[in-house]
């Protein structure tokens, strides 16, 4: 089992920045990929950014150049630095972890609201 707890969401004006954090606990050694997804009202949950255990990253085209994903293995945390935020970035952001046994884990979500 893996437990994920997000923090850092909130309300920000367009052009501003927010930093999301995800603390992982449990069977951390089984995690191969972590990342962030987001879901806006009435829309599907979409990938925002992923980072592998080796440090490779992947970003959605809509956030490239604005968001940065990173992880601190010593602290078992992952962060998403979000800059130049736009109203269309408004969504619930979910921390995600994939383990080598083929199981997906999700955090409870944190709301990010960007006002215009």
C-alpha atoms as a PDB file:
ATOM      1  CA  UNK A   1       0.000   0.000   0.000  1.00  0.00           C
ATOM      2  CA  UNK A   2       1.057   3.556  -0.742  1.00  0.00           C
ATOM      3  CA  UNK A   3      -0.458   6.614   0.889  1.00  0.00           C
ATOM      4  CA  UNK A   4      -0.303  10.016  -0.806  1.00  0.00           C
ATOM      5  CA  UNK A   5      -1.135  13.340   0.811  1.00  0.00           C
ATOM      6  CA  UNK A   6      -1.216  16.572  -1.185  1.00  0.00           C
ATOM      7  CA  UNK A   7      -0.812  20.102   0.079  1.00  0.00           C
ATOM      8  CA  UNK A   8      -0.312  23.572  -1.312  1.00  0.00           C
ATOM      9  CA  UNK A   9      -3.430  24.290  -3.347  1.00  0.00           C
ATOM     10  CA  UNK A  10      -5.294  27.561  -3.129  1.00  0.00           C
ATOM     11  CA  UNK A  11      -6.480  30.663  -4.927  1.00  0.00           C
ATOM     12  CA  UNK A  12      -4.127  32.742  -7.048  1.00  0.00           C
ATOM     13  CA  UNK A  13      -4.468  35.433  -9.668  1.00  0.00           C
ATOM     14  CA  UNK A  14      -3.596  34.758 -13.285  1.00  0.00           C
ATOM     15  CA  UNK A  15       0.128  35.035 -13.820  1.00  0.00           C
ATOM     16  CA  UNK A  16       0.875  33.962 -10.284  1.00  0.00           C
ATOM     17  CA  UNK A  17       2.561  30.862  -8.893  1.00  0.00           C
ATOM     18  CA  UNK A  18       1.694  27.972  -6.620  1.00  0.00           C
ATOM     19  CA  UNK A  19       3.672  25.034  -5.357  1.00  0.00           C
ATOM     20  CA  UNK A  20       2.005  21.686  -4.739  1.00  0.00           C
ATOM     21  CA  UNK A  21       3.569  18.999  -2.589  1.00  0.00           C
ATOM     22  CA  UNK A  22       2.838  15.312  -2.229  1.00  0.00           C
ATOM     23  CA  UNK A  23       4.084  13.260   0.691  1.00  0.00           C
ATOM     24  CA  UNK A  24       4.320   9.527   0.071  1.00  0.00           C
ATOM     25  CA  UNK A  25       4.374   6.805   2.707  1.00  0.00           C
ATOM     26  CA  UNK A  26       4.000   3.049   2.866  1.00  0.00           C
ATOM     27  CA  UNK A  27       5.566   0.775   0.253  1.00  0.00           C
ATOM     28  CA  UNK A  28       7.559   3.582  -1.320  1.00  0.00           C
ATOM     29  CA  UNK A  29      10.263   1.308  -2.692  1.00  0.00           C
ATOM     30  CA  UNK A  30       7.700  -0.180  -5.096  1.00  0.00           C
ATOM     31  CA  UNK A  31       6.954   3.151  -6.764  1.00  0.00           C
ATOM     32  CA  UNK A  32       8.245   3.443 -10.339  1.00  0.00           C
ATOM     33  CA  UNK A  33       6.455   6.623 -11.411  1.00  0.00           C
ATOM     34  CA  UNK A  34       4.877   9.554  -9.615  1.00  0.00           C
ATOM     35  CA  UNK A  35       3.060  12.498 -10.987  1.00  0.00           C
ATOM     36  CA  UNK A  36       0.189  14.937 -11.015  1.00  0.00           C
ATOM     37  CA  UNK A  37      -3.161  14.763 -12.710  1.00  0.00           C
ATOM     38  CA  UNK A  38      -5.912  17.339 -12.694  1.00  0.00           C
ATOM     39  CA  UNK A  39      -9.646  17.330 -13.180  1.00  0.00           C
ATOM     40  CA  UNK A  40     -11.772  20.363 -13.926  1.00  0.00           C
ATOM     41  CA  UNK A  41     -15.556  20.297 -13.338  1.00  0.00           C
ATOM     42  CA  UNK A  42     -17.301  18.259 -16.001  1.00  0.00           C
ATOM     43  CA  UNK A  43     -14.046  17.107 -17.581  1.00  0.00           C
ATOM     44  CA  UNK A  44     -11.934  13.985 -17.457  1.00  0.00           C
ATOM     45  CA  UNK A  45      -8.866  13.613 -15.313  1.00  0.00           C
ATOM     46  CA  UNK A  46      -5.791  14.509 -17.357  1.00  0.00           C
ATOM     47  CA  UNK A  47      -2.079  13.990 -16.853  1.00  0.00           C
ATOM     48  CA  UNK A  48      -0.166  17.135 -15.955  1.00  0.00           C
ATOM     49  CA  UNK A  49       3.351  15.886 -15.243  1.00  0.00           C
ATOM     50  CA  UNK A  50       5.110  12.604 -14.476  1.00  0.00           C
ATOM     51  CA  UNK A  51       8.499  11.740 -13.019  1.00  0.00           C
ATOM     52  CA  UNK A  52      10.056   8.296 -12.943  1.00  0.00           C
ATOM     53  CA  UNK A  53      12.211   6.762 -10.251  1.00  0.00           C
ATOM     54  CA  UNK A  54      15.173   7.542 -12.516  1.00  0.00           C
ATOM     55  CA  UNK A  55      14.241  11.192 -12.720  1.00  0.00           C
ATOM     56  CA  UNK A  56      12.851  11.311 -16.264  1.00  0.00           C
ATOM     57  CA  UNK A  57       9.994  13.755 -16.660  1.00  0.00           C
ATOM     58  CA  UNK A  58       7.050  14.162 -18.973  1.00  0.00           C
ATOM     59  CA  UNK A  59       4.677  17.114 -19.221  1.00  0.00           C
ATOM     60  CA  UNK A  60       1.369  17.821 -20.836  1.00  0.00           C
ATOM     61  CA  UNK A  61       1.769  20.254 -23.721  1.00  0.00           C
ATOM     62  CA  UNK A  62      -0.493  22.739 -21.954  1.00  0.00           C
ATOM     63  CA  UNK A  63       1.926  23.159 -19.045  1.00  0.00           C
ATOM     64  CA  UNK A  64       5.339  22.784 -20.691  1.00  0.00           C
ATOM     65  CA  UNK A  65       7.592  25.677 -19.826  1.00  0.00           C
ATOM     66  CA  UNK A  66       5.364  26.772 -16.932  1.00  0.00           C
ATOM     67  CA  UNK A  67       5.269  23.796 -14.561  1.00  0.00           C
ATOM     68  CA  UNK A  68       8.168  21.851 -13.096  1.00  0.00           C
ATOM     69  CA  UNK A  69       7.935  18.483 -11.369  1.00  0.00           C
ATOM     70  CA  UNK A  70      10.603  17.304  -8.963  1.00  0.00           C
ATOM     71  CA  UNK A  71      11.081  14.824  -6.146  1.00  0.00           C
ATOM     72  CA  UNK A  72      13.134  14.505  -3.015  1.00  0.00           C
ATOM     73  CA  UNK A  73      13.876  10.840  -2.402  1.00  0.00           C
ATOM     74  CA  UNK A  74      15.308  11.506   1.053  1.00  0.00           C
ATOM     75  CA  UNK A  75      12.054  13.145   2.190  1.00  0.00           C
ATOM     76  CA  UNK A  76       9.724  10.954   0.096  1.00  0.00           C
ATOM     77  CA  UNK A  77       8.099  14.023  -1.354  1.00  0.00           C
ATOM     78  CA  UNK A  78       7.236  15.253  -4.815  1.00  0.00           C
ATOM     79  CA  UNK A  79       6.490  18.816  -5.804  1.00  0.00           C
ATOM     80  CA  UNK A  80       4.898  20.634  -8.705  1.00  0.00           C
ATOM     81  CA  UNK A  81       6.017  24.216  -9.150  1.00  0.00           C
ATOM     82  CA  UNK A  82       3.394  26.038 -11.172  1.00  0.00           C
ATOM     83  CA  UNK A  83       4.282  29.415 -12.679  1.00  0.00           C
ATOM     84  CA  UNK A  84       2.459  31.764 -15.030  1.00  0.00           C
ATOM     85  CA  UNK A  85      -0.836  30.239 -13.994  1.00  0.00           C
ATOM     86  CA  UNK A  86      -3.863  30.677 -16.210  1.00  0.00           C
ATOM     87  CA  UNK A  87      -7.588  30.457 -15.418  1.00  0.00           C
ATOM     88  CA  UNK A  88      -7.710  27.241 -17.446  1.00  0.00           C
ATOM     89  CA  UNK A  89      -5.334  25.649 -14.932  1.00  0.00           C
ATOM     90  CA  UNK A  90      -8.186  25.718 -12.413  1.00  0.00           C
ATOM     91  CA  UNK A  91      -8.892  22.157 -11.302  1.00  0.00           C
ATOM     92  CA  UNK A  92      -8.530  19.638  -8.532  1.00  0.00           C
ATOM     93  CA  UNK A  93      -4.954  18.360  -8.660  1.00  0.00           C
ATOM     94  CA  UNK A  94      -4.258  14.767  -7.680  1.00  0.00           C
ATOM     95  CA  UNK A  95      -0.987  13.197  -6.679  1.00  0.00           C
ATOM     96  CA  UNK A  96      -0.414   9.863  -8.408  1.00  0.00           C
ATOM     97  CA  UNK A  97       1.894   6.920  -7.906  1.00  0.00           C
ATOM     98  CA  UNK A  98       2.354   3.772  -9.964  1.00  0.00           C
ATOM     99  CA  UNK A  99       4.004   0.723  -8.448  1.00  0.00           C
ATOM    100  CA  UNK A 100       5.702  -2.133 -10.294  1.00  0.00           C
ATOM    101  CA  UNK A 101       2.937  -4.546  -9.292  1.00  0.00           C
ATOM    102  CA  UNK A 102       0.628  -2.619 -11.638  1.00  0.00           C
ATOM    103  CA  UNK A 103      -1.395  -0.710  -9.058  1.00  0.00           C
ATOM    104  CA  UNK A 104      -2.241   2.991  -9.264  1.00  0.00           C
ATOM    105  CA  UNK A 105      -2.536   5.110  -6.123  1.00  0.00           C
ATOM    106  CA  UNK A 106      -4.147   8.521  -5.774  1.00  0.00           C
ATOM    107  CA  UNK A 107      -4.149  11.280  -3.225  1.00  0.00           C
ATOM    108  CA  UNK A 108      -7.321  12.972  -2.043  1.00  0.00           C
ATOM    109  CA  UNK A 109      -6.823  15.984  -4.306  1.00  0.00           C
ATOM    110  CA  UNK A 110      -6.174  19.650  -3.709  1.00  0.00           C
ATOM    111  CA  UNK A 111      -8.068  22.531  -5.291  1.00  0.00           C
ATOM    112  CA  UNK A 112      -6.229  25.070  -7.427  1.00  0.00           C
ATOM    113  CA  UNK A 113      -8.217  28.108  -8.509  1.00  0.00           C
ATOM    114  CA  UNK A 114      -6.780  30.750 -10.820  1.00  0.00           C
ATOM    115  CA  UNK A 115      -8.762  33.964 -11.094  1.00  0.00           C
ATOM    116  CA  UNK A 116      -8.644  36.172 -14.146  1.00  0.00           C
END
